[in-house]
Amino acid sequence: MMILRAASLASQWHAKQRRKGADQEPYINHLIEVAALVSAAGAGADVICAALLHDAIEDQDISAAKITHLFGPHVAALVVEVSEDKALPKAERKAIQIAVASNLSPGAKLIRLADKISNVRSVAMSPPVEWSTERRLDYIVFCRKVVTGLRGTNAMLEEMFDETAQAAQTAETARAMNL
């Protein structure tokens, strides 16, 4: 029941948000994909809920206190752990993600790993129109650096990330050569 409540609230909170890609798919698709990946990795209900809510603080200004009230302190702590401080410049946020990856809790590592799989898939399948090939390749490199700090979390998700990143990189390289 808690997972369905998290999915319902996530769909409400992110109702007007779209993915950056050319397809402009509803943002809830990303949240459901991340939750499905952590679930497939054997995560418990708290981690699945946090996966559904992982962008609520940074993208929708939902407070950690509200998440605590609705889902408890463990779910809220996981969401806080994977939330970026949007007041910081993008380059600094990316550097922080790489630096702290190995220090995240096991549940936060699963969420971050699943998030990177979903994001790389999205960049490969429906890249933002304004992103050059170089920017897409740079994003894949960034994700690889984050995942380096997450190694040892879940072999299945790590292998899935590696395959996804390699396929995306190969496709981008081929696309660039055909230009």
N, C-alpha and C. Protein backbone atom coordinates (compact mmCIF):
# COMPACT_ATOMS: atom_id res chain seq x y z
N MET A 1 0.82 -1.20 0.00
CA MET A 1 0.00 0.00 0.00
C MET A 1 0.87 1.26 0.00
N MET A 2 1.95 1.26 0.78
CA MET A 2 2.83 2.42 0.86
C MET A 2 3.45 2.73 -0.51
N ILE A 3 3.82 1.70 -1.25
CA ILE A 3 4.42 1.89 -2.57
C ILE A 3 3.42 2.52 -3.52
N LEU A 4 2.19 2.06 -3.49
CA LEU A 4 1.16 2.64 -4.36
C LEU A 4 0.88 4.09 -3.98
N ARG A 5 0.90 4.39 -2.69
CA ARG A 5 0.69 5.77 -2.24
C ARG A 5 1.84 6.66 -2.74
N ALA A 6 3.07 6.14 -2.68
CA ALA A 6 4.22 6.89 -3.18
C ALA A 6 4.10 7.11 -4.69
N ALA A 7 3.68 6.09 -5.42
CA ALA A 7 3.50 6.23 -6.87
C ALA A 7 2.42 7.27 -7.19
N SER A 8 1.34 7.22 -6.45
CA SER A 8 0.26 8.17 -6.66
C SER A 8 0.71 9.60 -6.40
N LEU A 9 1.38 9.82 -5.28
CA LEU A 9 1.85 11.17 -4.96
C LEU A 9 2.91 11.63 -5.95
N ALA A 10 3.81 10.74 -6.33
CA ALA A 10 4.84 11.11 -7.30
C ALA A 10 4.19 11.53 -8.62
N SER A 11 3.15 10.82 -9.03
CA SER A 11 2.48 11.19 -10.28
C SER A 11 1.79 12.54 -10.16
N GLN A 12 1.27 12.86 -8.98
CA GLN A 12 0.65 14.17 -8.76
C GLN A 12 1.71 15.27 -8.72
N TRP A 13 2.76 15.05 -7.95
CA TRP A 13 3.80 16.06 -7.77
C TRP A 13 4.54 16.37 -9.07
N HIS A 14 4.70 15.37 -9.92
CA HIS A 14 5.45 15.54 -11.17
C HIS A 14 4.53 15.61 -12.39
N ALA A 15 3.24 15.84 -12.18
CA ALA A 15 2.25 15.79 -13.27
C ALA A 15 2.59 16.68 -14.45
N LYS A 16 3.12 17.84 -14.21
CA LYS A 16 3.41 18.79 -15.30
C LYS A 16 4.84 18.68 -15.81
N GLN A 17 5.62 17.79 -15.22
CA GLN A 17 7.03 17.66 -15.59
C GLN A 17 7.20 16.63 -16.71
N ARG A 18 8.07 16.95 -17.65
CA ARG A 18 8.38 16.06 -18.76
C ARG A 18 9.88 15.76 -18.77
N ARG A 19 10.24 14.64 -19.36
CA ARG A 19 11.66 14.32 -19.55
C ARG A 19 12.24 15.31 -20.56
N LYS A 20 13.56 15.50 -20.52
CA LYS A 20 14.22 16.47 -21.38
C LYS A 20 14.31 16.00 -22.83
N GLY A 21 14.12 14.72 -23.07
CA GLY A 21 14.31 14.16 -24.40
C GLY A 21 13.33 14.66 -25.43
N ALA A 22 13.65 14.36 -26.69
CA ALA A 22 12.82 14.79 -27.81
C ALA A 22 11.39 14.26 -27.69
N ASP A 23 11.21 13.09 -27.09
CA ASP A 23 9.88 12.51 -26.94
C ASP A 23 9.03 13.20 -25.86
N GLN A 24 9.69 13.96 -24.97
CA GLN A 24 8.97 14.68 -23.91
C GLN A 24 8.02 13.76 -23.13
N GLU A 25 8.50 12.56 -22.80
CA GLU A 25 7.65 11.61 -22.10
C GLU A 25 7.34 12.11 -20.69
N PRO A 26 6.21 11.68 -20.12
CA PRO A 26 5.87 12.09 -18.75
C PRO A 26 6.96 11.68 -17.78
N TYR A 27 7.30 12.55 -16.86
CA TYR A 27 8.40 12.31 -15.93
C TYR A 27 8.14 11.10 -15.04
N ILE A 28 6.88 10.81 -14.76
CA ILE A 28 6.55 9.67 -13.89
C ILE A 28 7.11 8.37 -14.47
N ASN A 29 7.25 8.30 -15.80
CA ASN A 29 7.82 7.09 -16.41
C ASN A 29 9.23 6.81 -15.87
N HIS A 30 10.01 7.88 -15.71
CA HIS A 30 11.37 7.74 -15.17
C HIS A 30 11.31 7.23 -13.73
N LEU A 31 10.45 7.80 -12.93
CA LEU A 31 10.35 7.42 -11.52
C LEU A 31 9.91 5.96 -11.38
N ILE A 32 8.98 5.55 -12.21
CA ILE A 32 8.51 4.15 -12.18
C ILE A 32 9.63 3.22 -12.64
N GLU A 33 10.39 3.62 -13.65
CA GLU A 33 11.50 2.79 -14.12
C GLU A 33 12.55 2.61 -13.02
N VAL A 34 12.90 3.69 -12.33
CA VAL A 34 13.88 3.61 -11.25
C VAL A 34 13.36 2.69 -10.14
N ALA A 35 12.09 2.85 -9.78
CA ALA A 35 11.50 2.00 -8.74
C ALA A 35 11.48 0.53 -9.18
N ALA A 36 11.16 0.28 -10.44
CA ALA A 36 11.13 -1.11 -10.94
C ALA A 36 12.53 -1.72 -10.91
N LEU A 37 13.54 -0.93 -11.23
CA LEU A 37 14.91 -1.44 -11.21
C LEU A 37 15.36 -1.79 -9.78
N VAL A 38 15.07 -0.91 -8.82
CA VAL A 38 15.49 -1.23 -7.45
C VAL A 38 14.69 -2.40 -6.91
N SER A 39 13.43 -2.52 -7.32
CA SER A 39 12.62 -3.66 -6.91
C SER A 39 13.20 -4.96 -7.48
N ALA A 40 13.58 -4.94 -8.75
CA ALA A 40 14.18 -6.12 -9.39
C ALA A 40 15.49 -6.50 -8.71
N ALA A 41 16.16 -5.52 -8.11
CA ALA A 41 17.41 -5.77 -7.39
C ALA A 41 17.16 -6.31 -5.99
N GLY A 42 15.90 -6.43 -5.60
CA GLY A 42 15.57 -7.01 -4.30
C GLY A 42 15.37 -6.02 -3.18
N ALA A 43 15.22 -4.74 -3.52
CA ALA A 43 15.05 -3.71 -2.49
C ALA A 43 13.72 -3.87 -1.76
N GLY A 44 13.68 -3.38 -0.53
CA GLY A 44 12.47 -3.40 0.27
C GLY A 44 11.57 -2.22 -0.05
N ALA A 45 10.43 -2.19 0.61
CA ALA A 45 9.40 -1.17 0.34
C ALA A 45 9.91 0.25 0.55
N ASP A 46 10.71 0.49 1.59
CA ASP A 46 11.21 1.84 1.84
C ASP A 46 12.07 2.35 0.68
N VAL A 47 12.92 1.50 0.16
CA VAL A 47 13.81 1.91 -0.94
C VAL A 47 12.99 2.10 -2.21
N ILE A 48 12.02 1.26 -2.46
CA ILE A 48 11.15 1.41 -3.64
C ILE A 48 10.38 2.73 -3.55
N CYS A 49 9.84 3.03 -2.38
CA CYS A 49 9.14 4.31 -2.18
C CYS A 49 10.08 5.48 -2.42
N ALA A 50 11.28 5.41 -1.86
CA ALA A 50 12.25 6.49 -2.04
C ALA A 50 12.64 6.63 -3.51
N ALA A 51 12.69 5.52 -4.23
CA ALA A 51 12.99 5.58 -5.67
C ALA A 51 11.90 6.35 -6.41
N LEU A 52 10.66 6.11 -6.04
CA LEU A 52 9.53 6.83 -6.65
C LEU A 52 9.56 8.32 -6.31
N LEU A 53 10.11 8.64 -5.17
CA LEU A 53 10.10 10.02 -4.68
C LEU A 53 11.46 10.71 -4.83
N HIS A 54 12.42 10.06 -5.46
CA HIS A 54 13.81 10.53 -5.39
C HIS A 54 14.06 11.92 -5.97
N ASP A 55 13.19 12.42 -6.82
CA ASP A 55 13.37 13.76 -7.38
C ASP A 55 12.38 14.78 -6.82
N ALA A 56 11.59 14.40 -5.85
CA ALA A 56 10.54 15.30 -5.33
C ALA A 56 11.11 16.54 -4.66
N ILE A 57 12.19 16.38 -3.92
CA ILE A 57 12.78 17.54 -3.22
C ILE A 57 13.42 18.49 -4.21
N GLU A 58 14.26 17.96 -5.09
CA GLU A 58 15.03 18.84 -5.98
C GLU A 58 14.21 19.39 -7.14
N ASP A 59 13.21 18.65 -7.62
CA ASP A 59 12.44 19.12 -8.78
C ASP A 59 11.10 19.76 -8.44
N GLN A 60 10.53 19.37 -7.29
CA GLN A 60 9.19 19.84 -6.98
C GLN A 60 9.09 20.60 -5.66
N ASP A 61 10.22 20.84 -5.03
CA ASP A 61 10.25 21.56 -3.75
C ASP A 61 9.36 20.94 -2.68
N ILE A 62 9.27 19.63 -2.69
CA ILE A 62 8.58 18.91 -1.62
C ILE A 62 9.58 18.82 -0.47
N SER A 63 9.16 19.14 0.72
CA SER A 63 10.10 19.16 1.84
C SER A 63 10.39 17.76 2.36
N ALA A 64 11.57 17.61 2.92
CA ALA A 64 11.92 16.35 3.58
C ALA A 64 10.97 16.09 4.73
N ALA A 65 10.52 17.16 5.39
CA ALA A 65 9.58 17.02 6.50
C ALA A 65 8.26 16.41 6.02
N LYS A 66 7.81 16.84 4.84
CA LYS A 66 6.56 16.29 4.30
C LYS A 66 6.72 14.81 3.96
N ILE A 67 7.86 14.46 3.37
CA ILE A 67 8.11 13.05 3.05
C ILE A 67 8.21 12.23 4.33
N THR A 68 8.85 12.79 5.35
CA THR A 68 8.93 12.11 6.65
C THR A 68 7.54 11.87 7.21
N HIS A 69 6.72 12.90 7.17
CA HIS A 69 5.34 12.80 7.69
C HIS A 69 4.54 11.72 6.94
N LEU A 70 4.71 11.66 5.62
CA LEU A 70 3.92 10.74 4.81
C LEU A 70 4.48 9.32 4.77
N PHE A 71 5.83 9.19 4.82
CA PHE A 71 6.44 7.88 4.58
C PHE A 71 7.45 7.44 5.64
N GLY A 72 7.71 8.30 6.59
CA GLY A 72 8.63 7.94 7.66
C GLY A 72 10.04 8.46 7.42
N PRO A 73 10.85 8.44 8.49
CA PRO A 73 12.19 9.02 8.41
C PRO A 73 13.15 8.26 7.50
N HIS A 74 13.02 6.96 7.38
CA HIS A 74 13.96 6.21 6.54
C HIS A 74 13.78 6.56 5.07
N VAL A 75 12.53 6.60 4.59
CA VAL A 75 12.27 6.98 3.20
C VAL A 75 12.77 8.40 2.96
N ALA A 76 12.44 9.31 3.87
CA ALA A 76 12.86 10.70 3.71
C ALA A 76 14.39 10.82 3.68
N ALA A 77 15.07 10.07 4.54
CA ALA A 77 16.54 10.13 4.58
C ALA A 77 17.14 9.65 3.26
N LEU A 78 16.56 8.63 2.66
CA LEU A 78 17.04 8.13 1.37
C LEU A 78 16.84 9.19 0.28
N VAL A 79 15.67 9.81 0.27
CA VAL A 79 15.39 10.85 -0.73
C VAL A 79 16.37 12.02 -0.56
N VAL A 80 16.58 12.44 0.67
CA VAL A 80 17.52 13.54 0.93
C VAL A 80 18.92 13.16 0.45
N GLU A 81 19.30 11.92 0.70
CA GLU A 81 20.63 11.45 0.36
C GLU A 81 20.92 11.52 -1.15
N VAL A 82 19.90 11.30 -1.97
CA VAL A 82 20.11 11.31 -3.42
C VAL A 82 19.66 12.62 -4.08
N SER A 83 19.23 13.58 -3.28
CA SER A 83 18.80 14.88 -3.82
C SER A 83 19.98 15.81 -4.01
N GLU A 84 19.94 16.56 -5.12
CA GLU A 84 20.96 17.56 -5.39
C GLU A 84 20.50 18.90 -4.85
N ASP A 85 21.45 19.73 -4.51
CA ASP A 85 21.17 21.10 -4.11
C ASP A 85 21.17 21.96 -5.37
N LYS A 86 19.98 22.28 -5.87
CA LYS A 86 19.87 23.02 -7.13
C LYS A 86 20.39 24.45 -7.04
N ALA A 87 20.71 24.92 -5.83
CA ALA A 87 21.29 26.25 -5.68
C ALA A 87 22.75 26.27 -6.12
N LEU A 88 23.36 25.10 -6.19
CA LEU A 88 24.76 25.00 -6.62
C LEU A 88 24.85 24.94 -8.14
N PRO A 89 25.96 25.41 -8.70
CA PRO A 89 26.15 25.29 -10.16
C PRO A 89 26.18 23.82 -10.57
N LYS A 90 25.74 23.56 -11.81
CA LYS A 90 25.64 22.19 -12.30
C LYS A 90 26.97 21.43 -12.19
N ALA A 91 28.06 22.07 -12.55
CA ALA A 91 29.37 21.40 -12.49
C ALA A 91 29.70 20.97 -11.07
N GLU A 92 29.37 21.81 -10.11
CA GLU A 92 29.63 21.47 -8.71
C GLU A 92 28.73 20.32 -8.25
N ARG A 93 27.47 20.33 -8.67
CA ARG A 93 26.55 19.24 -8.31
C ARG A 93 27.05 17.91 -8.88
N LYS A 94 27.55 17.94 -10.11
CA LYS A 94 28.06 16.72 -10.72
C LYS A 94 29.31 16.23 -9.98
N ALA A 95 30.19 17.14 -9.62
CA ALA A 95 31.40 16.76 -8.89
C ALA A 95 31.03 16.15 -7.54
N ILE A 96 30.04 16.71 -6.88
CA ILE A 96 29.59 16.17 -5.59
C ILE A 96 29.02 14.77 -5.77
N GLN A 97 28.21 14.56 -6.81
CA GLN A 97 27.66 13.22 -7.05
C GLN A 97 28.76 12.18 -7.19
N ILE A 98 29.80 12.52 -7.93
CA ILE A 98 30.92 11.60 -8.12
C ILE A 98 31.64 11.37 -6.79
N ALA A 99 31.89 12.46 -6.05
CA ALA A 99 32.67 12.38 -4.80
C ALA A 99 31.96 11.58 -3.71
N VAL A 100 30.65 11.70 -3.61
CA VAL A 100 29.94 11.06 -2.50
C VAL A 100 29.38 9.68 -2.83
N ALA A 101 29.45 9.27 -4.09
CA ALA A 101 28.81 8.01 -4.50
C ALA A 101 29.20 6.83 -3.61
N SER A 102 30.46 6.69 -3.31
CA SER A 102 30.91 5.53 -2.52
C SER A 102 30.49 5.61 -1.06
N ASN A 103 30.09 6.79 -0.61
CA ASN A 103 29.70 6.97 0.80
C ASN A 103 28.19 6.90 1.04
N LEU A 104 27.42 6.70 -0.01
CA LEU A 104 25.97 6.62 0.16
C LEU A 104 25.59 5.34 0.91
N SER A 105 24.43 5.36 1.52
CA SER A 105 23.91 4.16 2.17
C SER A 105 23.57 3.13 1.10
N PRO A 106 23.45 1.85 1.46
CA PRO A 106 23.13 0.83 0.45
C PRO A 106 21.86 1.13 -0.35
N GLY A 107 20.80 1.59 0.31
CA GLY A 107 19.57 1.92 -0.39
C GLY A 107 19.74 3.08 -1.35
N ALA A 108 20.45 4.11 -0.92
CA ALA A 108 20.70 5.27 -1.78
C ALA A 108 21.57 4.87 -2.98
N LYS A 109 22.51 3.96 -2.76
CA LYS A 109 23.34 3.49 -3.87
C LYS A 109 22.48 2.79 -4.92
N LEU A 110 21.54 1.96 -4.48
CA LEU A 110 20.64 1.29 -5.43
C LEU A 110 19.85 2.31 -6.24
N ILE A 111 19.30 3.31 -5.55
CA ILE A 111 18.51 4.34 -6.24
C ILE A 111 19.38 5.10 -7.23
N ARG A 112 20.55 5.50 -6.82
CA ARG A 112 21.45 6.26 -7.70
C ARG A 112 21.82 5.42 -8.92
N LEU A 113 22.13 4.14 -8.71
CA LEU A 113 22.50 3.25 -9.80
C LEU A 113 21.34 3.09 -10.78
N ALA A 114 20.15 2.84 -10.26
CA ALA A 114 18.96 2.71 -11.11
C ALA A 114 18.67 4.01 -11.85
N ASP A 115 18.87 5.13 -11.19
CA ASP A 115 18.66 6.44 -11.80
C ASP A 115 19.61 6.63 -12.98
N LYS A 116 20.86 6.24 -12.82
CA LYS A 116 21.83 6.39 -13.90
C LYS A 116 21.48 5.47 -15.08
N ILE A 117 21.02 4.27 -14.80
CA ILE A 117 20.57 3.38 -15.89
C ILE A 117 19.45 4.04 -16.67
N SER A 118 18.45 4.53 -15.95
CA SER A 118 17.30 5.17 -16.59
C SER A 118 17.72 6.40 -17.38
N ASN A 119 18.59 7.21 -16.81
CA ASN A 119 19.02 8.44 -17.50
C ASN A 119 19.82 8.15 -18.76
N VAL A 120 20.71 7.18 -18.70
CA VAL A 120 21.51 6.83 -19.88
C VAL A 120 20.60 6.24 -20.96
N ARG A 121 19.66 5.41 -20.55
CA ARG A 121 18.69 4.87 -21.53
C ARG A 121 17.95 6.02 -22.22
N SER A 122 17.53 6.98 -21.43
CA SER A 122 16.78 8.10 -21.97
C SER A 122 17.63 8.93 -22.94
N VAL A 123 18.87 9.18 -22.58
CA VAL A 123 19.76 9.94 -23.46
C VAL A 123 19.99 9.17 -24.76
N ALA A 124 20.06 7.86 -24.69
CA ALA A 124 20.28 7.05 -25.89
C ALA A 124 19.02 6.96 -26.76
N MET A 125 17.87 6.81 -26.13
CA MET A 125 16.62 6.58 -26.87
C MET A 125 15.96 7.87 -27.33
N SER A 126 16.03 8.90 -26.49
CA SER A 126 15.36 10.16 -26.79
C SER A 126 16.17 11.32 -26.23
N PRO A 127 17.32 11.59 -26.86
CA PRO A 127 18.18 12.65 -26.32
C PRO A 127 17.52 14.03 -26.45
N PRO A 128 17.85 14.92 -25.52
CA PRO A 128 17.36 16.28 -25.67
C PRO A 128 17.83 16.85 -27.02
N VAL A 129 16.94 17.50 -27.71
CA VAL A 129 17.22 18.01 -29.05
C VAL A 129 18.43 18.93 -29.07
N GLU A 130 18.57 19.75 -28.03
CA GLU A 130 19.65 20.74 -28.02
C GLU A 130 21.00 20.15 -27.59
N TRP A 131 21.04 18.88 -27.20
CA TRP A 131 22.29 18.27 -26.78
C TRP A 131 23.08 17.79 -28.00
N SER A 132 24.30 18.22 -28.09
CA SER A 132 25.19 17.75 -29.15
C SER A 132 25.65 16.32 -28.83
N THR A 133 26.24 15.68 -29.83
CA THR A 133 26.82 14.35 -29.60
C THR A 133 27.85 14.41 -28.48
N GLU A 134 28.67 15.45 -28.49
CA GLU A 134 29.70 15.60 -27.46
C GLU A 134 29.07 15.68 -26.06
N ARG A 135 28.01 16.42 -25.93
CA ARG A 135 27.36 16.54 -24.61
C ARG A 135 26.76 15.21 -24.18
N ARG A 136 26.16 14.48 -25.12
CA ARG A 136 25.60 13.16 -24.77
C ARG A 136 26.71 12.21 -24.33
N LEU A 137 27.82 12.22 -25.06
CA LEU A 137 28.96 11.36 -24.68
C LEU A 137 29.54 11.78 -23.34
N ASP A 138 29.64 13.08 -23.10
CA ASP A 138 30.12 13.58 -21.81
C ASP A 138 29.21 13.13 -20.67
N TYR A 139 27.90 13.12 -20.92
CA TYR A 139 26.96 12.68 -19.88
C TYR A 139 27.18 11.21 -19.55
N ILE A 140 27.40 10.40 -20.55
CA ILE A 140 27.66 8.97 -20.32
C ILE A 140 28.94 8.80 -19.49
N VAL A 141 29.98 9.57 -19.81
CA VAL A 141 31.23 9.52 -19.05
C VAL A 141 30.98 9.92 -17.60
N PHE A 142 30.21 10.98 -17.39
CA PHE A 142 29.86 11.41 -16.03
C PHE A 142 29.15 10.28 -15.28
N CYS A 143 28.17 9.65 -15.91
CA CYS A 143 27.45 8.56 -15.25
C CYS A 143 28.38 7.40 -14.91
N ARG A 144 29.30 7.10 -15.80
CA ARG A 144 30.28 6.03 -15.52
C ARG A 144 31.11 6.38 -14.28
N LYS A 145 31.48 7.64 -14.13
CA LYS A 145 32.25 8.06 -12.96
C LYS A 145 31.44 7.91 -11.68
N VAL A 146 30.18 8.26 -11.72
CA VAL A 146 29.32 8.09 -10.54
C VAL A 146 29.21 6.60 -10.21
N VAL A 147 28.96 5.79 -11.22
CA VAL A 147 28.76 4.35 -11.00
C VAL A 147 30.04 3.69 -10.49
N THR A 148 31.19 4.21 -10.83
CA THR A 148 32.44 3.67 -10.29
C THR A 148 32.39 3.68 -8.76
N GLY A 149 31.86 4.73 -8.18
CA GLY A 149 31.74 4.82 -6.73
C GLY A 149 30.63 3.97 -6.15
N LEU A 150 29.78 3.43 -7.00
CA LEU A 150 28.66 2.60 -6.54
C LEU A 150 28.96 1.11 -6.68
N ARG A 151 30.11 0.76 -7.25
CA ARG A 151 30.44 -0.64 -7.48
C ARG A 151 30.38 -1.44 -6.18
N GLY A 152 29.89 -2.68 -6.32
CA GLY A 152 29.74 -3.54 -5.17
C GLY A 152 28.34 -3.45 -4.56
N THR A 153 27.48 -2.67 -5.17
CA THR A 153 26.12 -2.49 -4.66
C THR A 153 25.20 -3.61 -5.09
N ASN A 154 25.15 -3.85 -6.39
CA ASN A 154 24.27 -4.89 -6.93
C ASN A 154 24.81 -5.30 -8.30
N ALA A 155 25.26 -6.54 -8.41
CA ALA A 155 25.89 -7.02 -9.63
C ALA A 155 24.96 -6.93 -10.84
N MET A 156 23.68 -7.25 -10.66
CA MET A 156 22.73 -7.22 -11.77
C MET A 156 22.59 -5.79 -12.32
N LEU A 157 22.39 -4.81 -11.42
CA LEU A 157 22.23 -3.43 -11.87
C LEU A 157 23.53 -2.88 -12.44
N GLU A 158 24.64 -3.26 -11.88
CA GLU A 158 25.94 -2.80 -12.39
C GLU A 158 26.17 -3.32 -13.81
N GLU A 159 25.85 -4.59 -14.04
CA GLU A 159 25.99 -5.16 -15.38
C GLU A 159 25.01 -4.47 -16.35
N MET A 160 23.80 -4.22 -15.88
CA MET A 160 22.82 -3.52 -16.71
C MET A 160 23.30 -2.12 -17.07
N PHE A 161 23.88 -1.42 -16.09
CA PHE A 161 24.41 -0.09 -16.38
C PHE A 161 25.52 -0.19 -17.42
N ASP A 162 26.46 -1.11 -17.22
CA ASP A 162 27.59 -1.24 -18.14
C ASP A 162 27.11 -1.51 -19.56
N GLU A 163 26.15 -2.41 -19.71
CA GLU A 163 25.60 -2.72 -21.04
C GLU A 163 24.89 -1.51 -21.63
N THR A 164 24.11 -0.81 -20.81
CA THR A 164 23.37 0.36 -21.27
C THR A 164 24.32 1.47 -21.68
N ALA A 165 25.33 1.74 -20.87
CA ALA A 165 26.29 2.80 -21.17
C ALA A 165 27.10 2.46 -22.42
N GLN A 166 27.51 1.21 -22.56
CA GLN A 166 28.28 0.81 -23.74
C GLN A 166 27.44 0.94 -25.00
N ALA A 167 26.20 0.48 -24.95
CA ALA A 167 25.32 0.58 -26.11
C ALA A 167 25.06 2.04 -26.48
N ALA A 168 24.85 2.88 -25.48
CA ALA A 168 24.61 4.30 -25.73
C ALA A 168 25.84 4.96 -26.33
N GLN A 169 27.00 4.64 -25.80
CA GLN A 169 28.24 5.22 -26.30
C GLN A 169 28.51 4.78 -27.74
N THR A 170 28.28 3.51 -28.02
CA THR A 170 28.47 2.98 -29.37
C THR A 170 27.52 3.67 -30.34
N ALA A 171 26.27 3.81 -29.94
CA ALA A 171 25.28 4.46 -30.81
C ALA A 171 25.64 5.91 -31.07
N GLU A 172 26.08 6.61 -30.03
CA GLU A 172 26.47 8.03 -30.19
C GLU A 172 27.68 8.17 -31.10
N THR A 173 28.64 7.30 -30.94
CA THR A 173 29.84 7.33 -31.77
C THR A 173 29.48 7.07 -33.22
N ALA A 174 28.61 6.08 -33.46
CA ALA A 174 28.17 5.77 -34.82
C ALA A 174 27.39 6.94 -35.41
N ARG A 175 26.54 7.56 -34.60
CA ARG A 175 25.78 8.73 -35.05
C ARG A 175 26.71 9.86 -35.46
N ALA A 176 27.75 10.07 -34.66
CA ALA A 176 28.70 11.16 -34.94
C ALA A 176 29.47 10.89 -36.24
N MET A 177 29.78 9.63 -36.50
CA MET A 177 30.55 9.28 -37.70
C MET A 177 29.70 9.43 -38.96
N ASN A 178 28.39 9.32 -38.81
CA ASN A 178 27.49 9.43 -39.97
C ASN A 178 27.08 10.87 -40.27
N LEU A 179 27.52 11.81 -39.44
CA LEU A 179 27.14 13.21 -39.67
C LEU A 179 27.84 13.81 -40.84
